[in-house]
Amino acid sequence: RRFWAVFLGVSLLSALAAFKLMFAYVPLLEVDIRFSRAEAVAATAEFQRQQFPALATSRTAASFISDRELQNYVELEAGGVSAFKALIKNPDAALYYWRVRSFSENQEKELRTAFSPSGKLLSYWLTVPDQEPGASLDEAAARAIAERGARALLGERLDLYKPFDTKMKRQNTGRTDHTFTYEHSQLQIGEARFRLNILVVGDQLAGLDTDRHIPEAFNQRFQE
């Protein structure tokens, strides 16, 4: 009896693990990955050369990312596997992407990019040390730079985002940094929201990154 009880317990745990793996990997079969790791690294180097020519780096690191946290939320509480699959081809959801880091050892300044499985630039973020000098713009001037850069990357899709939050930080060097957050007005699934963060460092557009907000209550339940 003890043997069969243990056997049954192991079987149930194995079935549960297989069930979870099915959720994790089946949607990936829907992703057409036509852009290789080497191509993502090369595209980052070219983007860095064009947009941030003063940034000197000696190393790169790249990995393919899947948004498991959002996947868990959608599949368990916001429509199931079919709802998650429907998000895969939406560029504003950014569920799967190549993440590339361009950096040097012992150097704070670095660049991170994200490219879609088809090779489209999704986001970028330049980390700038606080002690680096720069301009000090007011909010309106900085927002103009932010929205001009976002328009260049997103095109008409930017019209779907509405202002959500603004943060400003004055550095000791006199430089002022602005972070503008916009929220997608149409892309919503359950209580999850999709946002866009735009960073202006001094008078330079330094970052444009997608983000999503998942209810904290779900994260707490899922971790239990």
Protein backbone atom coordinates (compact mmCIF):
# COMPACT_ATOMS: atom_id res chain seq x y z
CA ARG A 1 0.00 0.00 0.00
CA ARG A 2 2.79 2.39 0.86
CA PHE A 3 4.41 1.68 -2.52
CA TRP A 4 1.21 2.46 -4.42
CA ALA A 5 0.60 5.61 -2.38
CA VAL A 6 4.09 6.87 -3.21
CA PHE A 7 3.66 5.84 -6.84
CA LEU A 8 0.36 7.68 -7.09
CA GLY A 9 1.87 10.81 -5.51
CA VAL A 10 4.81 10.82 -7.91
CA SER A 11 2.46 10.31 -10.84
CA LEU A 12 0.30 13.24 -9.82
CA LEU A 13 3.35 15.49 -9.43
CA SER A 14 4.62 14.41 -12.85
CA ALA A 15 1.26 15.13 -14.44
CA LEU A 16 1.18 18.56 -12.82
CA ALA A 17 4.70 19.31 -14.07
CA ALA A 18 3.78 18.19 -17.58
CA PHE A 19 0.67 20.37 -17.46
CA LYS A 20 2.75 23.40 -16.49
CA LEU A 21 5.31 22.67 -19.19
CA MET A 22 2.52 22.46 -21.75
CA PHE A 23 1.50 26.01 -20.82
CA ALA A 24 5.09 27.16 -20.98
CA TYR A 25 6.14 25.72 -24.33
CA VAL A 26 3.13 25.22 -26.58
CA PRO A 27 2.70 28.98 -27.33
CA LEU A 28 6.37 29.19 -28.32
CA LEU A 29 5.53 26.92 -31.28
CA GLU A 30 3.43 29.82 -32.59
CA VAL A 31 6.50 32.10 -32.74
CA ASP A 32 8.30 32.38 -36.07
CA ILE A 33 11.90 33.10 -35.06
CA ARG A 34 13.50 34.38 -38.27
CA PHE A 35 16.11 36.60 -36.61
CA SER A 36 19.13 34.83 -35.16
CA ARG A 37 21.19 35.65 -32.11
CA ALA A 38 24.11 36.72 -34.32
CA GLU A 39 21.82 39.02 -36.29
CA ALA A 40 20.49 40.59 -33.08
CA VAL A 41 24.04 41.27 -31.88
CA ALA A 42 25.03 42.76 -35.26
CA ALA A 43 21.89 44.92 -35.35
CA THR A 44 22.65 46.24 -31.87
CA ALA A 45 26.18 47.17 -32.91
CA GLU A 46 24.85 49.06 -35.93
CA PHE A 47 22.16 50.81 -33.87
CA GLN A 48 24.78 51.81 -31.31
CA ARG A 49 27.04 53.17 -34.05
CA GLN A 50 24.24 55.31 -35.48
CA GLN A 51 22.44 56.46 -32.33
CA PHE A 52 25.16 56.50 -29.68
CA PRO A 53 28.49 56.82 -31.53
CA ALA A 54 30.31 58.08 -28.43
CA LEU A 55 29.54 54.89 -26.51
CA ALA A 56 32.55 52.56 -26.57
CA THR A 57 31.92 48.95 -25.49
CA SER A 58 33.92 45.76 -25.82
CA ARG A 59 31.48 42.98 -24.95
CA THR A 60 27.98 41.77 -25.80
CA ALA A 61 25.57 39.32 -24.24
CA ALA A 62 22.38 38.11 -25.87
CA SER A 63 19.48 35.86 -24.87
CA PHE A 64 16.02 35.01 -26.14
CA ILE A 65 13.33 36.13 -23.68
CA SER A 66 9.76 34.94 -23.17
CA ASP A 67 7.45 36.77 -20.80
CA ARG A 68 6.52 33.84 -18.55
CA GLU A 69 4.99 36.06 -15.87
CA LEU A 70 2.46 37.55 -18.28
CA GLN A 71 1.88 34.15 -19.82
CA ASN A 72 1.03 32.66 -16.43
CA TYR A 73 -1.36 35.50 -15.65
CA VAL A 74 -3.21 35.37 -18.98
CA GLU A 75 -3.46 31.58 -19.12
CA LEU A 76 -4.59 31.22 -15.51
CA GLU A 77 -6.79 34.28 -14.98
CA ALA A 78 -7.36 36.26 -18.17
CA GLY A 79 -8.64 34.08 -20.97
CA GLY A 80 -6.46 30.99 -21.13
CA VAL A 81 -4.02 29.72 -23.75
CA SER A 82 -6.07 31.05 -26.68
CA ALA A 83 -6.01 34.57 -25.23
CA PHE A 84 -2.25 34.39 -24.79
CA LYS A 85 -1.74 33.14 -28.34
CA ALA A 86 -3.77 36.09 -29.62
CA LEU A 87 -1.19 38.43 -28.05
CA ILE A 88 1.85 36.83 -29.65
CA LYS A 89 1.81 38.83 -32.89
CA ASN A 90 1.00 42.15 -31.21
CA PRO A 91 4.24 44.22 -31.15
CA ASP A 92 2.99 46.31 -28.21
CA ALA A 93 2.74 43.18 -26.06
CA ALA A 94 6.38 42.17 -26.82
CA LEU A 95 6.04 38.64 -25.45
CA TYR A 96 9.11 37.17 -27.15
CA TYR A 97 12.27 39.00 -28.10
CA TRP A 98 16.04 38.99 -28.32
CA ARG A 99 17.65 41.01 -25.53
CA VAL A 100 21.15 42.26 -26.25
CA ARG A 101 23.45 43.99 -23.79
CA SER A 102 26.42 46.01 -25.09
CA PHE A 103 28.88 46.81 -22.31
CA SER A 104 32.43 46.90 -21.00
CA GLU A 105 33.75 45.59 -17.72
CA ASN A 106 33.85 48.17 -14.91
CA GLN A 107 31.89 50.67 -17.01
CA GLU A 108 28.49 51.86 -15.89
CA LYS A 109 27.43 53.28 -19.24
CA GLU A 110 25.92 50.57 -21.42
CA LEU A 111 23.21 49.89 -23.97
CA ARG A 112 20.41 47.33 -23.94
CA THR A 113 18.24 46.58 -26.95
CA ALA A 114 15.34 44.28 -27.74
CA PHE A 115 14.49 42.88 -31.16
CA SER A 116 11.41 40.93 -32.18
CA PRO A 117 11.72 37.36 -33.55
CA SER A 118 11.42 38.88 -37.04
CA GLY A 119 14.18 41.44 -36.44
CA LYS A 120 12.22 44.60 -35.64
CA LEU A 121 13.69 46.94 -33.03
CA LEU A 122 11.27 46.93 -30.08
CA SER A 123 13.13 48.96 -27.48
CA TYR A 124 16.44 50.32 -26.29
CA TRP A 125 17.81 51.77 -23.06
CA LEU A 126 21.08 53.62 -22.53
CA THR A 127 22.29 53.58 -18.93
CA VAL A 128 24.01 56.92 -18.24
CA PRO A 129 26.02 57.52 -15.03
CA ASP A 130 24.56 60.15 -12.70
CA GLN A 131 27.86 62.05 -12.67
CA GLU A 132 27.89 62.59 -16.43
CA PRO A 133 27.13 66.25 -17.30
CA GLY A 134 24.22 67.28 -19.50
CA ALA A 135 21.52 69.80 -20.21
CA SER A 136 18.65 70.73 -17.93
CA LEU A 137 15.37 70.95 -19.84
CA ASP A 138 11.91 71.70 -18.54
CA GLU A 139 9.22 69.04 -18.81
CA ALA A 140 7.64 70.36 -22.01
CA ALA A 141 10.94 70.47 -23.91
CA ALA A 142 11.93 67.01 -22.70
CA ARG A 143 8.51 65.56 -23.59
CA ALA A 144 8.83 66.93 -27.12
CA ILE A 145 12.11 65.02 -27.52
CA ALA A 146 10.53 61.88 -26.03
CA GLU A 147 7.49 61.89 -28.27
CA ARG A 148 9.51 62.68 -31.39
CA GLY A 149 11.72 59.66 -30.71
CA ALA A 150 8.77 57.42 -29.91
CA ARG A 151 7.04 58.49 -33.10
CA ALA A 152 10.12 57.58 -35.11
CA LEU A 153 10.13 54.06 -33.65
CA LEU A 154 6.42 53.32 -33.30
CA GLY A 155 4.85 55.43 -36.03
CA GLU A 156 1.06 55.64 -35.78
CA ARG A 157 1.05 53.11 -32.93
CA LEU A 158 2.13 55.94 -30.62
CA ASP A 159 -1.37 57.40 -30.96
CA LEU A 160 -2.69 54.43 -28.98
CA TYR A 161 -0.67 55.44 -25.92
CA LYS A 162 -1.84 58.09 -23.47
CA PRO A 163 0.26 59.91 -20.81
CA PHE A 164 0.24 58.00 -17.53
CA ASP A 165 3.09 59.22 -15.33
CA THR A 166 6.08 61.58 -15.31
CA LYS A 167 9.25 61.50 -13.21
CA MET A 168 12.05 64.03 -13.07
CA LYS A 169 15.47 63.76 -11.43
CA ARG A 170 18.07 66.53 -11.08
CA GLN A 171 21.61 65.24 -10.89
CA ASN A 172 24.39 66.91 -8.91
CA THR A 173 26.07 67.84 -12.18
CA GLY A 174 23.11 70.05 -13.08
CA ARG A 175 21.72 67.59 -15.60
CA THR A 176 17.99 66.89 -15.49
CA ASP A 177 16.60 63.49 -16.49
CA HIS A 178 12.96 62.88 -17.38
CA THR A 179 11.09 59.58 -17.58
CA PHE A 180 7.70 59.67 -19.29
CA THR A 181 5.32 56.72 -18.98
CA TYR A 182 2.44 56.17 -21.39
CA GLU A 183 -0.28 53.52 -21.15
CA HIS A 184 -1.86 51.71 -24.08
CA SER A 185 -5.48 52.80 -24.38
CA GLN A 186 -6.75 49.67 -26.16
CA LEU A 187 -4.45 46.76 -25.36
CA GLN A 188 -5.79 45.39 -22.11
CA ILE A 189 -6.27 41.81 -20.98
CA GLY A 190 -7.85 41.14 -17.63
CA GLU A 191 -6.27 43.65 -15.27
CA ALA A 192 -2.93 43.63 -17.11
CA ARG A 193 -1.88 46.94 -18.67
CA PHE A 194 0.77 47.66 -21.28
CA ARG A 195 2.97 50.72 -20.96
CA LEU A 196 5.79 52.58 -22.65
CA ASN A 197 8.65 54.24 -20.75
CA ILE A 198 10.67 56.97 -22.48
CA LEU A 199 13.90 58.29 -20.95
CA VAL A 200 15.37 61.69 -21.78
CA VAL A 201 18.81 62.29 -20.23
CA GLY A 202 19.62 65.97 -20.39
CA ASP A 203 18.63 66.80 -23.96
CA GLN A 204 19.26 63.28 -25.33
CA LEU A 205 16.70 60.57 -25.98
CA ALA A 206 18.29 57.68 -24.09
CA GLY A 207 15.63 55.02 -23.83
CA LEU A 208 12.32 53.74 -25.06
CA ASP A 209 11.11 50.52 -23.46
CA THR A 210 7.85 48.59 -23.31
CA ASP A 211 6.51 47.44 -19.97
CA ARG A 212 3.46 45.69 -18.59
CA HIS A 213 1.69 45.85 -15.26
CA ILE A 214 0.32 42.67 -13.74
CA PRO A 215 -1.85 42.78 -10.60
CA GLU A 216 0.27 42.30 -7.50
CA ALA A 217 -2.44 40.14 -6.00
CA PHE A 218 -1.92 37.58 -8.78
CA ASN A 219 1.83 37.49 -8.21
CA GLN A 220 1.29 36.85 -4.54
CA ARG A 221 -1.20 34.04 -5.20
CA PHE A 222 0.96 32.45 -7.88
CA GLN A 223 4.03 32.37 -5.64
CA GLU A 224 2.20 30.70 -2.79
